[in-house]
C-alpha atoms as a PDB file:
ATOM      1  CA  UNK A   1      22.602  64.210 -76.664  1.00  0.00           C
ATOM      2  CA  UNK A   2      23.404  61.848 -75.502  1.00  0.00           C
ATOM      3  CA  UNK A   3      27.161  62.748 -74.910  1.00  0.00           C
ATOM      4  CA  UNK A   4      28.652  59.824 -73.102  1.00  0.00           C
ATOM      5  CA  UNK A   5      27.586  56.942 -76.207  1.00  0.00           C
ATOM      6  CA  UNK A   6      29.516  55.065 -78.381  1.00  0.00           C
ATOM      7  CA  UNK A   7      27.331  56.121 -81.454  1.00  0.00           C
ATOM      8  CA  UNK A   8      28.038  59.758 -80.499  1.00  0.00           C
ATOM      9  CA  UNK A   9      31.421  59.417 -80.421  1.00  0.00           C
ATOM     10  CA  UNK A  10      32.029  57.267 -83.713  1.00  0.00           C
ATOM     11  CA  UNK A  11      30.252  60.258 -85.547  1.00  0.00           C
ATOM     12  CA  UNK A  12      33.463  62.169 -85.358  1.00  0.00           C
ATOM     13  CA  UNK A  13      36.970  61.348 -86.417  1.00  0.00           C
ATOM     14  CA  UNK A  14      40.533  62.735 -85.564  1.00  0.00           C
ATOM     15  CA  UNK A  15      41.160  63.003 -89.565  1.00  0.00           C
ATOM     16  CA  UNK A  16      38.021  65.596 -89.720  1.00  0.00           C
ATOM     17  CA  UNK A  17      38.651  68.496 -87.024  1.00  0.00           C
ATOM     18  CA  UNK A  18      36.334  71.337 -86.642  1.00  0.00           C
ATOM     19  CA  UNK A  19      33.333  69.021 -84.243  1.00  0.00           C
ATOM     20  CA  UNK A  20      33.740  70.031 -80.729  1.00  0.00           C
ATOM     21  CA  UNK A  21      31.198  68.224 -78.526  1.00  0.00           C
ATOM     22  CA  UNK A  22      29.954  69.978 -75.354  1.00  0.00           C
ATOM     23  CA  UNK A  23      29.828  68.371 -72.197  1.00  0.00           C
ATOM     24  CA  UNK A  24      26.434  68.988 -70.643  1.00  0.00           C
ATOM     25  CA  UNK A  25      27.023  68.016 -67.405  1.00  0.00           C
ATOM     26  CA  UNK A  26      25.044  64.872 -67.216  1.00  0.00           C
ATOM     27  CA  UNK A  27      25.979  62.117 -65.053  1.00  0.00           C
ATOM     28  CA  UNK A  28      27.677  59.494 -66.548  1.00  0.00           C
ATOM     29  CA  UNK A  29      27.453  56.890 -63.886  1.00  0.00           C
ATOM     30  CA  UNK A  30      25.355  53.477 -63.603  1.00  0.00           C
ATOM     31  CA  UNK A  31      22.516  53.728 -65.013  1.00  0.00           C
ATOM     32  CA  UNK A  32      20.535  55.935 -67.478  1.00  0.00           C
ATOM     33  CA  UNK A  33      20.787  59.756 -66.983  1.00  0.00           C
ATOM     34  CA  UNK A  34      18.798  61.754 -69.527  1.00  0.00           C
ATOM     35  CA  UNK A  35      20.866  64.554 -70.954  1.00  0.00           C
ATOM     36  CA  UNK A  36      20.638  68.086 -69.187  1.00  0.00           C
ATOM     37  CA  UNK A  37      20.931  69.623 -72.551  1.00  0.00           C
ATOM     38  CA  UNK A  38      16.966  68.492 -72.683  1.00  0.00           C
ATOM     39  CA  UNK A  39      16.296  71.074 -70.547  1.00  0.00           C
ATOM     40  CA  UNK A  40      14.997  74.398 -71.960  1.00  0.00           C
ATOM     41  CA  UNK A  41      16.594  76.268 -68.832  1.00  0.00           C
ATOM     42  CA  UNK A  42      20.068  74.581 -69.861  1.00  0.00           C
ATOM     43  CA  UNK A  43      19.698  75.834 -72.925  1.00  0.00           C
ATOM     44  CA  UNK A  44      18.742  79.124 -72.435  1.00  0.00           C
ATOM     45  CA  UNK A  45      21.708  79.191 -69.575  1.00  0.00           C
ATOM     46  CA  UNK A  46      24.492  77.451 -72.264  1.00  0.00           C
ATOM     47  CA  UNK A  47      23.623  78.618 -75.358  1.00  0.00           C
ATOM     48  CA  UNK A  48      26.794  80.545 -75.548  1.00  0.00           C
ATOM     49  CA  UNK A  49      28.725  77.292 -75.570  1.00  0.00           C
ATOM     50  CA  UNK A  50      27.475  75.813 -78.608  1.00  0.00           C
ATOM     51  CA  UNK A  51      26.065  75.958 -82.111  1.00  0.00           C
ATOM     52  CA  UNK A  52      24.321  72.924 -82.893  1.00  0.00           C
ATOM     53  CA  UNK A  53      22.014  70.725 -80.965  1.00  0.00           C
ATOM     54  CA  UNK A  54      22.136  67.327 -82.176  1.00  0.00           C
ATOM     55  CA  UNK A  55      19.607  64.957 -80.218  1.00  0.00           C
ATOM     56  CA  UNK A  56      19.379  61.647 -81.082  1.00  0.00           C
ATOM     57  CA  UNK A  57      17.427  59.402 -78.505  1.00  0.00           C
ATOM     58  CA  UNK A  58      16.858  59.828 -75.134  1.00  0.00           C
ATOM     59  CA  UNK A  59      13.958  61.813 -74.906  1.00  0.00           C
ATOM     60  CA  UNK A  60      11.262  59.387 -74.262  1.00  0.00           C
ATOM     61  CA  UNK A  61      10.674  60.175 -70.929  1.00  0.00           C
ATOM     62  CA  UNK A  62      10.010  64.091 -71.835  1.00  0.00           C
ATOM     63  CA  UNK A  63       6.390  65.242 -72.575  1.00  0.00           C
ATOM     64  CA  UNK A  64       5.727  67.056 -75.698  1.00  0.00           C
ATOM     65  CA  UNK A  65       4.881  70.560 -73.917  1.00  0.00           C
ATOM     66  CA  UNK A  66       8.282  69.969 -72.327  1.00  0.00           C
ATOM     67  CA  UNK A  67      10.077  68.931 -75.940  1.00  0.00           C
ATOM     68  CA  UNK A  68       8.211  72.244 -77.128  1.00  0.00           C
ATOM     69  CA  UNK A  69       9.853  74.344 -74.341  1.00  0.00           C
ATOM     70  CA  UNK A  70      13.237  72.869 -75.736  1.00  0.00           C
ATOM     71  CA  UNK A  71      12.657  74.131 -79.264  1.00  0.00           C
ATOM     72  CA  UNK A  72      11.176  77.572 -78.226  1.00  0.00           C
ATOM     73  CA  UNK A  73      14.320  78.006 -76.137  1.00  0.00           C
ATOM     74  CA  UNK A  74      16.818  77.109 -79.705  1.00  0.00           C
ATOM     75  CA  UNK A  75      14.681  79.853 -81.397  1.00  0.00           C
ATOM     76  CA  UNK A  76      15.073  82.474 -78.731  1.00  0.00           C
ATOM     77  CA  UNK A  77      18.735  81.883 -78.541  1.00  0.00           C
ATOM     78  CA  UNK A  78      19.177  81.624 -82.464  1.00  0.00           C
ATOM     79  CA  UNK A  79      20.481  77.646 -82.006  1.00  0.00           C
ATOM     80  CA  UNK A  80      20.542  75.076 -84.832  1.00  0.00           C
ATOM     81  CA  UNK A  81      18.559  71.902 -83.802  1.00  0.00           C
ATOM     82  CA  UNK A  82      19.364  68.495 -85.614  1.00  0.00           C
ATOM     83  CA  UNK A  83      17.931  65.403 -84.986  1.00  0.00           C
ATOM     84  CA  UNK A  84      18.567  61.777 -86.053  1.00  0.00           C
ATOM     85  CA  UNK A  85      15.484  59.849 -86.403  1.00  0.00           C
ATOM     86  CA  UNK A  86      16.745  56.457 -85.276  1.00  0.00           C
ATOM     87  CA  UNK A  87      13.380  54.827 -84.218  1.00  0.00           C
ATOM     88  CA  UNK A  88       9.821  55.492 -85.438  1.00  0.00           C
ATOM     89  CA  UNK A  89       8.618  52.678 -83.715  1.00  0.00           C
ATOM     90  CA  UNK A  90      10.217  53.202 -80.163  1.00  0.00           C
ATOM     91  CA  UNK A  91      11.630  49.286 -79.191  1.00  0.00           C
ATOM     92  CA  UNK A  92      11.007  50.233 -75.677  1.00  0.00           C
ATOM     93  CA  UNK A  93       7.437  51.041 -75.884  1.00  0.00           C
ATOM     94  CA  UNK A  94       4.056  48.716 -77.113  1.00  0.00           C
ATOM     95  CA  UNK A  95       1.719  51.816 -77.603  1.00  0.00           C
ATOM     96  CA  UNK A  96       3.528  54.093 -79.691  1.00  0.00           C
ATOM     97  CA  UNK A  97       0.950  56.989 -79.439  1.00  0.00           C
ATOM     98  CA  UNK A  98       3.154  58.797 -76.954  1.00  0.00           C
ATOM     99  CA  UNK A  99       6.528  58.531 -78.751  1.00  0.00           C
ATOM    100  CA  UNK A 100       5.139  59.775 -81.942  1.00  0.00           C
ATOM    101  CA  UNK A 101       3.638  62.607 -80.296  1.00  0.00           C
ATOM    102  CA  UNK A 102       7.248  63.466 -79.732  1.00  0.00           C
ATOM    103  CA  UNK A 103       8.234  62.893 -83.190  1.00  0.00           C
ATOM    104  CA  UNK A 104       5.380  65.675 -84.391  1.00  0.00           C
ATOM    105  CA  UNK A 105       6.893  68.073 -82.176  1.00  0.00           C
ATOM    106  CA  UNK A 106      10.653  67.387 -82.918  1.00  0.00           C
ATOM    107  CA  UNK A 107      10.391  66.383 -86.546  1.00  0.00           C
ATOM    108  CA  UNK A 108       8.787  69.436 -88.035  1.00  0.00           C
ATOM    109  CA  UNK A 109      11.005  71.733 -85.471  1.00  0.00           C
ATOM    110  CA  UNK A 110      14.372  70.475 -86.521  1.00  0.00           C
ATOM    111  CA  UNK A 111      16.472  72.500 -88.609  1.00  0.00           C
ATOM    112  CA  UNK A 112      17.785  69.236 -90.039  1.00  0.00           C
ATOM    113  CA  UNK A 113      17.000  65.745 -90.129  1.00  0.00           C
ATOM    114  CA  UNK A 114      19.143  62.924 -90.389  1.00  0.00           C
ATOM    115  CA  UNK A 115      18.205  59.014 -90.681  1.00  0.00           C
ATOM    116  CA  UNK A 116      19.985  55.654 -91.368  1.00  0.00           C
ATOM    117  CA  UNK A 117      18.372  54.120 -94.143  1.00  0.00           C
ATOM    118  CA  UNK A 118      16.659  55.158 -97.235  1.00  0.00           C
ATOM    119  CA  UNK A 119      13.671  53.398 -96.003  1.00  0.00           C
ATOM    120  CA  UNK A 120      13.508  55.350 -92.562  1.00  0.00           C
ATOM    121  CA  UNK A 121      13.997  58.625 -94.528  1.00  0.00           C
ATOM    122  CA  UNK A 122      10.877  57.457 -97.275  1.00  0.00           C
ATOM    123  CA  UNK A 123       8.722  56.959 -94.413  1.00  0.00           C
ATOM    124  CA  UNK A 124       9.507  60.567 -92.623  1.00  0.00           C
ATOM    125  CA  UNK A 125       9.257  62.095 -95.934  1.00  0.00           C
ATOM    126  CA  UNK A 126       5.406  60.329 -96.059  1.00  0.00           C
ATOM    127  CA  UNK A 127       4.428  60.928 -92.610  1.00  0.00           C
ATOM    128  CA  UNK A 128       5.700  64.943 -91.724  1.00  0.00           C
ATOM    129  CA  UNK A 129       6.726  65.949 -95.378  1.00  0.00           C
ATOM    130  CA  UNK A 130      10.627  66.545 -94.957  1.00  0.00           C
ATOM    131  CA  UNK A 131      13.299  64.013 -96.458  1.00  0.00           C
ATOM    132  CA  UNK A 132      16.235  63.325 -93.915  1.00  0.00           C
ATOM    133  CA  UNK A 133      19.439  63.103 -95.251  1.00  0.00           C
ATOM    134  CA  UNK A 134      20.736  59.279 -95.215  1.00  0.00           C
ATOM    135  CA  UNK A 135      24.021  58.435 -93.712  1.00  0.00           C
ATOM    136  CA  UNK A 136      25.085  55.249 -92.687  1.00  0.00           C
ATOM    137  CA  UNK A 137      25.566  53.855 -88.847  1.00  0.00           C
ATOM    138  CA  UNK A 138      28.931  53.712 -87.860  1.00  0.00           C
ATOM    139  CA  UNK A 139      30.709  51.116 -86.043  1.00  0.00           C
ATOM    140  CA  UNK A 140      30.178  49.989 -82.593  1.00  0.00           C
ATOM    141  CA  UNK A 141      33.239  47.511 -81.651  1.00  0.00           C
ATOM    142  CA  UNK A 142      36.600  49.659 -81.604  1.00  0.00           C
ATOM    143  CA  UNK A 143      38.451  49.673 -84.727  1.00  0.00           C
ATOM    144  CA  UNK A 144      40.923  47.260 -83.871  1.00  0.00           C
ATOM    145  CA  UNK A 145      38.452  44.812 -82.960  1.00  0.00           C
ATOM    146  CA  UNK A 146      36.994  44.346 -86.000  1.00  0.00           C
ATOM    147  CA  UNK A 147      37.639  41.807 -88.658  1.00  0.00           C
ATOM    148  CA  UNK A 148      39.212  39.285 -85.913  1.00  0.00           C
ATOM    149  CA  UNK A 149      39.631  36.238 -87.993  1.00  0.00           C
ATOM    150  CA  UNK A 150      36.444  33.107 -86.187  1.00  0.00           C
ATOM    151  CA  UNK A 151      36.838  29.669 -86.307  1.00  0.00           C
ATOM    152  CA  UNK A 152      32.677  27.917 -86.601  1.00  0.00           C
ATOM    153  CA  UNK A 153      33.066  25.328 -83.776  1.00  0.00           C
ATOM    154  CA  UNK A 154      30.644  21.926 -83.252  1.00  0.00           C
ATOM    155  CA  UNK A 155      27.660  22.359 -82.226  1.00  0.00           C
ATOM    156  CA  UNK A 156      27.101  25.615 -84.084  1.00  0.00           C
ATOM    157  CA  UNK A 157      25.652  27.926 -81.158  1.00  0.00           C
ATOM    158  CA  UNK A 158      22.499  30.035 -82.172  1.00  0.00           C
ATOM    159  CA  UNK A 159      22.091  32.338 -79.393  1.00  0.00           C
ATOM    160  CA  UNK A 160      18.979  34.621 -78.126  1.00  0.00           C
ATOM    161  CA  UNK A 161      19.640  37.368 -75.650  1.00  0.00           C
ATOM    162  CA  UNK A 162      16.456  38.186 -74.114  1.00  0.00           C
ATOM    163  CA  UNK A 163      18.136  41.022 -71.823  1.00  0.00           C
ATOM    164  CA  UNK A 164      15.476  42.462 -69.784  1.00  0.00           C
ATOM    165  CA  UNK A 165      12.344  41.503 -71.803  1.00  0.00           C
ATOM    166  CA  UNK A 166      12.207  44.815 -73.927  1.00  0.00           C
ATOM    167  CA  UNK A 167       8.745  45.650 -75.350  1.00  0.00           C
ATOM    168  CA  UNK A 168       9.316  44.972 -78.601  1.00  0.00           C
ATOM    169  CA  UNK A 169      10.741  41.397 -78.248  1.00  0.00           C
ATOM    170  CA  UNK A 170       8.619  38.144 -79.223  1.00  0.00           C
ATOM    171  CA  UNK A 171      10.124  35.677 -76.849  1.00  0.00           C
ATOM    172  CA  UNK A 172       7.955  32.536 -76.765  1.00  0.00           C
ATOM    173  CA  UNK A 173       6.950  32.085 -80.377  1.00  0.00           C
ATOM    174  CA  UNK A 174      10.738  32.551 -81.141  1.00  0.00           C
ATOM    175  CA  UNK A 175      11.990  30.325 -78.809  1.00  0.00           C
ATOM    176  CA  UNK A 176       9.459  27.094 -79.698  1.00  0.00           C
ATOM    177  CA  UNK A 177      10.853  27.329 -83.519  1.00  0.00           C
ATOM    178  CA  UNK A 178      14.475  28.067 -82.687  1.00  0.00           C
ATOM    179  CA  UNK A 179      14.359  24.801 -80.376  1.00  0.00           C
ATOM    180  CA  UNK A 180      12.622  22.785 -83.246  1.00  0.00           C
ATOM    181  CA  UNK A 181      15.154  23.759 -86.414  1.00  0.00           C
ATOM    182  CA  UNK A 182      18.139  23.308 -83.917  1.00  0.00           C
ATOM    183  CA  UNK A 183      16.809  19.816 -83.495  1.00  0.00           C
ATOM    184  CA  UNK A 184      15.994  19.271 -87.480  1.00  0.00           C
ATOM    185  CA  UNK A 185      19.464  20.656 -87.922  1.00  0.00           C
ATOM    186  CA  UNK A 186      20.976  17.931 -85.583  1.00  0.00           C
ATOM    187  CA  UNK A 187      19.048  15.567 -86.775  1.00  0.00           C
ATOM    188  CA  UNK A 188      20.153  16.256 -90.218  1.00  0.00           C
ATOM    189  CA  UNK A 189      23.833  16.395 -89.899  1.00  0.00           C
ATOM    190  CA  UNK A 190      24.690  19.865 -88.524  1.00  0.00           C
ATOM    191  CA  UNK A 191      24.619  19.907 -84.565  1.00  0.00           C
ATOM    192  CA  UNK A 192      23.302  22.939 -83.328  1.00  0.00           C
ATOM    193  CA  UNK A 193      22.494  24.282 -80.226  1.00  0.00           C
ATOM    194  CA  UNK A 194      20.357  27.324 -78.667  1.00  0.00           C
ATOM    195  CA  UNK A 195      21.830  29.301 -76.259  1.00  0.00           C
ATOM    196  CA  UNK A 196      19.580  31.885 -74.092  1.00  0.00           C
ATOM    197  CA  UNK A 197      20.016  34.627 -72.242  1.00  0.00           C
ATOM    198  CA  UNK A 198      18.361  36.750 -69.633  1.00  0.00           C
ATOM    199  CA  UNK A 199      18.880  39.258 -67.192  1.00  0.00           C
ATOM    200  CA  UNK A 200      18.599  38.228 -63.824  1.00  0.00           C
ATOM    201  CA  UNK A 201      15.802  40.682 -63.101  1.00  0.00           C
ATOM    202  CA  UNK A 202      13.464  39.329 -65.654  1.00  0.00           C
ATOM    203  CA  UNK A 203      12.648  36.408 -63.773  1.00  0.00           C
ATOM    204  CA  UNK A 204      11.511  38.352 -60.905  1.00  0.00           C
ATOM    205  CA  UNK A 205       7.962  38.079 -60.579  1.00  0.00           C
ATOM    206  CA  UNK A 206       7.938  41.611 -59.105  1.00  0.00           C
ATOM    207  CA  UNK A 207       9.878  42.743 -62.223  1.00  0.00           C
ATOM    208  CA  UNK A 208       7.377  45.099 -64.123  1.00  0.00           C
ATOM    209  CA  UNK A 209       8.008  42.920 -67.836  1.00  0.00           C
ATOM    210  CA  UNK A 210       7.600  39.795 -65.763  1.00  0.00           C
ATOM    211  CA  UNK A 211       6.334  36.857 -68.036  1.00  0.00           C
ATOM    212  CA  UNK A 212       5.261  33.879 -66.264  1.00  0.00           C
ATOM    213  CA  UNK A 213       4.882  31.533 -69.110  1.00  0.00           C
ATOM    214  CA  UNK A 214       8.253  32.802 -70.324  1.00  0.00           C
ATOM    215  CA  UNK A 215       9.977  31.934 -66.930  1.00  0.00           C
ATOM    216  CA  UNK A 216       8.418  28.286 -67.205  1.00  0.00           C
ATOM    217  CA  UNK A 217       9.655  27.467 -70.375  1.00  0.00           C
ATOM    218  CA  UNK A 218      13.391  28.442 -69.807  1.00  0.00           C
ATOM    219  CA  UNK A 219      13.056  26.351 -66.400  1.00  0.00           C
ATOM    220  CA  UNK A 220      11.964  23.466 -68.510  1.00  0.00           C
ATOM    221  CA  UNK A 221      14.409  23.932 -71.091  1.00  0.00           C
ATOM    222  CA  UNK A 222      17.018  24.259 -69.111  1.00  0.00           C
ATOM    223  CA  UNK A 223      16.180  21.125 -67.098  1.00  0.00           C
ATOM    224  CA  UNK A 224      15.485  19.047 -70.163  1.00  0.00           C
ATOM    225  CA  UNK A 225      18.668  20.520 -71.875  1.00  0.00           C
ATOM    226  CA  UNK A 226      16.716  21.381 -74.828  1.00  0.00           C
ATOM    227  CA  UNK A 227      18.428  24.818 -74.947  1.00  0.00           C
ATOM    228  CA  UNK A 228      21.258  26.446 -72.926  1.00  0.00           C
ATOM    229  CA  UNK A 229      19.897  28.864 -70.312  1.00  0.00           C
ATOM    230  CA  UNK A 230      21.917  31.583 -68.840  1.00  0.00           C
ATOM    231  CA  UNK A 231      20.425  33.790 -66.264  1.00  0.00           C
ATOM    232  CA  UNK A 232      23.038  36.396 -65.472  1.00  0.00           C
ATOM    233  CA  UNK A 233      24.018  39.971 -64.733  1.00  0.00           C
ATOM    234  CA  UNK A 234      24.317  42.756 -67.731  1.00  0.00           C
ATOM    235  CA  UNK A 235      27.210  42.197 -70.062  1.00  0.00           C
ATOM    236  CA  UNK A 236      29.899  45.191 -69.957  1.00  0.00           C
ATOM    237  CA  UNK A 237      31.228  46.110 -73.852  1.00  0.00           C
ATOM    238  CA  UNK A 238      34.002  43.322 -73.274  1.00  0.00           C
ATOM    239  CA  UNK A 239      31.664  40.344 -71.988  1.00  0.00           C
ATOM    240  CA  UNK A 240      29.512  41.381 -75.098  1.00  0.00           C
ATOM    241  CA  UNK A 241      31.884  40.822 -77.642  1.00  0.00           C
ATOM    242  CA  UNK A 242      33.119  37.664 -75.974  1.00  0.00           C
ATOM    243  CA  UNK A 243      29.290  36.348 -76.051  1.00  0.00           C
ATOM    244  CA  UNK A 244      29.029  37.414 -79.673  1.00  0.00           C
ATOM    245  CA  UNK A 245      32.196  36.331 -80.979  1.00  0.00           C
ATOM    246  CA  UNK A 246      30.835  32.753 -79.278  1.00  0.00           C
ATOM    247  CA  UNK A 247      27.807  32.578 -81.419  1.00  0.00           C
ATOM    248  CA  UNK A 248      27.459  31.454 -84.897  1.00  0.00           C
ATOM    249  CA  UNK A 249      23.939  33.158 -85.279  1.00  0.00           C
ATOM    250  CA  UNK A 250      22.571  35.987 -83.155  1.00  0.00           C
ATOM    251  CA  UNK A 251      18.639  36.219 -83.044  1.00  0.00           C
ATOM    252  CA  UNK A 252      17.148  39.540 -82.728  1.00  0.00           C
ATOM    253  CA  UNK A 253      13.443  38.462 -82.154  1.00  0.00           C
ATOM    254  CA  UNK A 254      12.005  41.788 -82.649  1.00  0.00           C
ATOM    255  CA  UNK A 255       8.105  42.311 -83.385  1.00  0.00           C
ATOM    256  CA  UNK A 256       8.893  46.043 -84.106  1.00  0.00           C
ATOM    257  CA  UNK A 257      11.574  48.663 -84.428  1.00  0.00           C
ATOM    258  CA  UNK A 258      13.348  50.498 -87.084  1.00  0.00           C
ATOM    259  CA  UNK A 259      17.201  50.177 -86.517  1.00  0.00           C
ATOM    260  CA  UNK A 260      19.180  48.217 -84.704  1.00  0.00           C
ATOM    261  CA  UNK A 261      22.943  48.971 -82.896  1.00  0.00           C
ATOM    262  CA  UNK A 262      22.818  45.183 -82.167  1.00  0.00           C
ATOM    263  CA  UNK A 263      23.025  44.370 -85.866  1.00  0.00           C
ATOM    264  CA  UNK A 264      25.618  46.607 -86.507  1.00  0.00           C
ATOM    265  CA  UNK A 265      27.809  45.097 -83.537  1.00  0.00           C
ATOM    266  CA  UNK A 266      27.556  41.988 -85.109  1.00  0.00           C
ATOM    267  CA  UNK A 267      28.733  43.032 -88.234  1.00  0.00           C
ATOM    268  CA  UNK A 268      31.531  44.311 -86.885  1.00  0.00           C
ATOM    269  CA  UNK A 269      32.569  41.011 -84.807  1.00  0.00           C
ATOM    270  CA  UNK A 270      31.396  38.819 -87.981  1.00  0.00           C
ATOM    271  CA  UNK A 271      28.424  37.063 -86.391  1.00  0.00           C
ATOM    272  CA  UNK A 272      25.535  35.952 -88.602  1.00  0.00           C
ATOM    273  CA  UNK A 273      22.331  37.990 -87.456  1.00  0.00           C
ATOM    274  CA  UNK A 274      18.808  36.274 -88.117  1.00  0.00           C
ATOM    275  CA  UNK A 275      15.669  38.472 -87.459  1.00  0.00           C
ATOM    276  CA  UNK A 276      12.025  38.822 -88.507  1.00  0.00           C
ATOM    277  CA  UNK A 277      11.033  41.140 -91.351  1.00  0.00           C
ATOM    278  CA  UNK A 278      10.889  44.371 -89.140  1.00  0.00           C
ATOM    279  CA  UNK A 279      11.986  47.753 -89.672  1.00  0.00           C
ATOM    280  CA  UNK A 280      14.866  48.806 -92.189  1.00  0.00           C
ATOM    281  CA  UNK A 281      17.191  45.998 -90.549  1.00  0.00           C
ATOM    282  CA  UNK A 282      17.777  44.759 -94.699  1.00  0.00           C
ATOM    283  CA  UNK A 283      19.128  48.150 -95.514  1.00  0.00           C
ATOM    284  CA  UNK A 284      21.491  48.300 -92.713  1.00  0.00           C
ATOM    285  CA  UNK A 285      23.508  45.351 -93.243  1.00  0.00           C
ATOM    286  CA  UNK A 286      23.271  41.850 -94.923  1.00  0.00           C
ATOM    287  CA  UNK A 287      21.457  39.191 -92.560  1.00  0.00           C
ATOM    288  CA  UNK A 288      19.002  36.703 -92.850  1.00  0.00           C
ATOM    289  CA  UNK A 289      15.421  37.403 -92.151  1.00  0.00           C
ATOM    290  CA  UNK A 290      12.295  35.116 -92.088  1.00  0.00           C
ATOM    291  CA  UNK A 291       9.095  34.899 -90.137  1.00  0.00           C
ATOM    292  CA  UNK A 292      10.517  33.688 -86.794  1.00  0.00           C
ATOM    293  CA  UNK A 293       7.024  32.177 -85.085  1.00  0.00           C
ATOM    294  CA  UNK A 294       7.335  29.815 -88.308  1.00  0.00           C
ATOM    295  CA  UNK A 295       9.715  26.891 -87.647  1.00  0.00           C
ATOM    296  CA  UNK A 296       9.699  25.624 -91.150  1.00  0.00           C
ATOM    297  CA  UNK A 297      10.713  29.490 -91.727  1.00  0.00           C
ATOM    298  CA  UNK A 298      13.568  29.358 -89.101  1.00  0.00           C
ATOM    299  CA  UNK A 299      15.071  25.773 -90.324  1.00  0.00           C
ATOM    300  CA  UNK A 300      15.816  27.435 -93.665  1.00  0.00           C
ATOM    301  CA  UNK A 301      16.502  30.265 -92.489  1.00  0.00           C
ATOM    302  CA  UNK A 302      19.614  28.752 -89.848  1.00  0.00           C
ATOM    303  CA  UNK A 303      20.563  26.724 -92.559  1.00  0.00           C
ATOM    304  CA  UNK A 304      21.248  29.592 -94.605  1.00  0.00           C
ATOM    305  CA  UNK A 305      22.893  31.636 -91.909  1.00  0.00           C
ATOM    306  CA  UNK A 306      25.279  28.679 -91.016  1.00  0.00           C
ATOM    307  CA  UNK A 307      26.668  28.392 -94.345  1.00  0.00           C
ATOM    308  CA  UNK A 308      27.664  32.103 -94.053  1.00  0.00           C
ATOM    309  CA  UNK A 309      26.364  35.517 -95.513  1.00  0.00           C
ATOM    310  CA  UNK A 310      28.570  37.230 -98.187  1.00  0.00           C
ATOM    311  CA  UNK A 311      29.130  40.786 -96.454  1.00  0.00           C
ATOM    312  CA  UNK A 312      27.614  39.877 -93.085  1.00  0.00           C
ATOM    313  CA  UNK A 313      31.331  40.546 -91.311  1.00  0.00           C
ATOM    314  CA  UNK A 314      32.932  43.831 -91.662  1.00  0.00           C
ATOM    315  CA  UNK A 315      36.353  44.675 -92.632  1.00  0.00           C
ATOM    316  CA  UNK A 316      38.346  47.060 -90.535  1.00  0.00           C
ATOM    317  CA  UNK A 317      38.894  49.103 -93.689  1.00  0.00           C
ATOM    318  CA  UNK A 318      35.382  49.524 -94.747  1.00  0.00           C
ATOM    319  CA  UNK A 319      34.709  50.294 -91.367  1.00  0.00           C
ATOM    320  CA  UNK A 320      37.465  53.114 -91.129  1.00  0.00           C
ATOM    321  CA  UNK A 321      36.193  54.541 -94.276  1.00  0.00           C
ATOM    322  CA  UNK A 322      33.216  54.706 -93.234  1.00  0.00           C
ATOM    323  CA  UNK A 323      33.531  56.836 -90.235  1.00  0.00           C
ATOM    324  CA  UNK A 324      35.342  59.351 -92.105  1.00  0.00           C
ATOM    325  CA  UNK A 325      32.967  59.615 -94.506  1.00  0.00           C
ATOM    326  CA  UNK A 326      30.404  59.946 -91.380  1.00  0.00           C
ATOM    327  CA  UNK A 327      32.326  62.277 -89.800  1.00  0.00           C
ATOM    328  CA  UNK A 328      32.518  64.578 -92.848  1.00  0.00           C
ATOM    329  CA  UNK A 329      28.941  63.784 -93.729  1.00  0.00           C
ATOM    330  CA  UNK A 330      27.910  65.660 -90.108  1.00  0.00           C
ATOM    331  CA  UNK A 331      30.196  68.529 -90.372  1.00  0.00           C
ATOM    332  CA  UNK A 332      29.245  69.336 -93.517  1.00  0.00           C
ATOM    333  CA  UNK A 333      25.422  69.209 -92.441  1.00  0.00           C
ATOM    334  CA  UNK A 334      26.467  71.454 -89.286  1.00  0.00           C
ATOM    335  CA  UNK A 335      28.580  73.836 -91.742  1.00  0.00           C
ATOM    336  CA  UNK A 336      25.631  74.027 -93.642  1.00  0.00           C
ATOM    337  CA  UNK A 337      22.592  74.695 -91.158  1.00  0.00           C
ATOM    338  CA  UNK A 338      24.485  77.291 -88.981  1.00  0.00           C
ATOM    339  CA  UNK A 339      25.323  79.017 -91.818  1.00  0.00           C
ATOM    340  CA  UNK A 340      21.848  79.135 -93.088  1.00  0.00           C
ATOM    341  CA  UNK A 341      20.600  80.351 -89.673  1.00  0.00           C
ATOM    342  CA  UNK A 342      23.423  82.974 -89.511  1.00  0.00           C
ATOM    343  CA  UNK A 343      22.152  84.397 -92.636  1.00  0.00           C
ATOM    344  CA  UNK A 344      18.689  84.456 -91.556  1.00  0.00           C
ATOM    345  CA  UNK A 345      20.006  86.282 -88.137  1.00  0.00           C
ATOM    346  CA  UNK A 346      22.527  88.271 -89.852  1.00  0.00           C
ATOM    347  CA  UNK A 347      25.298  86.649 -87.209  1.00  0.00           C
ATOM    348  CA  UNK A 348      28.696  85.303 -87.674  1.00  0.00           C
ATOM    349  CA  UNK A 349      29.447  81.797 -88.899  1.00  0.00           C
ATOM    350  CA  UNK A 350      31.727  79.919 -87.252  1.00  0.00           C
ATOM    351  CA  UNK A 351      34.939  78.492 -89.110  1.00  0.00           C
END
């Protein structure tokens, strides 16, 4: 859960048979649709169709009581619950207390826990007394699109995508630093341009996260030519890949968070990432980190990033081997947990 997601697709591999993902009937049309398998009634009605319910994300809209009802339904039907702790801090929320309340239900109740980095595993153990299995984030780009050649152009392009102003975004302080840093790099012989993309809805005064100061800064930057400002629709997968391949550096202006799928996609496409010292990004893939609100630190970091970061670009062979390992680790986890539950209940373990 969720079923229709690239991350979930890439946990499986044709070389590792044995895992069949059940269609929970959740709509797959435009927009976000919470999985129907989050509902206790769905579990009670469909428990005979699955052995393990593996929850990744998408439960932010539930209440602790609703998640407890889900856990109770899994217990009644003797089904196994696995939780991957992607986020210890939810990037879509400023106030983390409601989200922590959901983790307080799920983490103690799960039969098995997974997370993406050793640092996150240690934090889960510190907070809940349970140590997750660490399984690396698989590739995001299709395997045949990984490792394609890139040729740096001039000027070098540093991109910050504001999207729809997610709660963890620190936009203005980072943009100001980037403009100063790009001017300094240009003056010292490395022509550098700042590209800023933002979704159209984010500049609508009626939008819930509208920021009048940011909107004014973007208008001024576009008028004065201090940054390339693109107001646009959401990228589809192909457009996003084309966008990232057109950047020399992608800046993640996160103020809080735990892990990043954007970082993994940049790794696949060979785009260096610059981010603040947030969460456990540094344990996922090589990147450059700095205090993004400090123009001096950003200037040094960008100079480093534009020279290239060893290991920042994935190879298709490495990602293919990793996907095989990820699929094997998940299959082994499912088999171990279902065997343990079957031993407790006296049921027959599926092959």
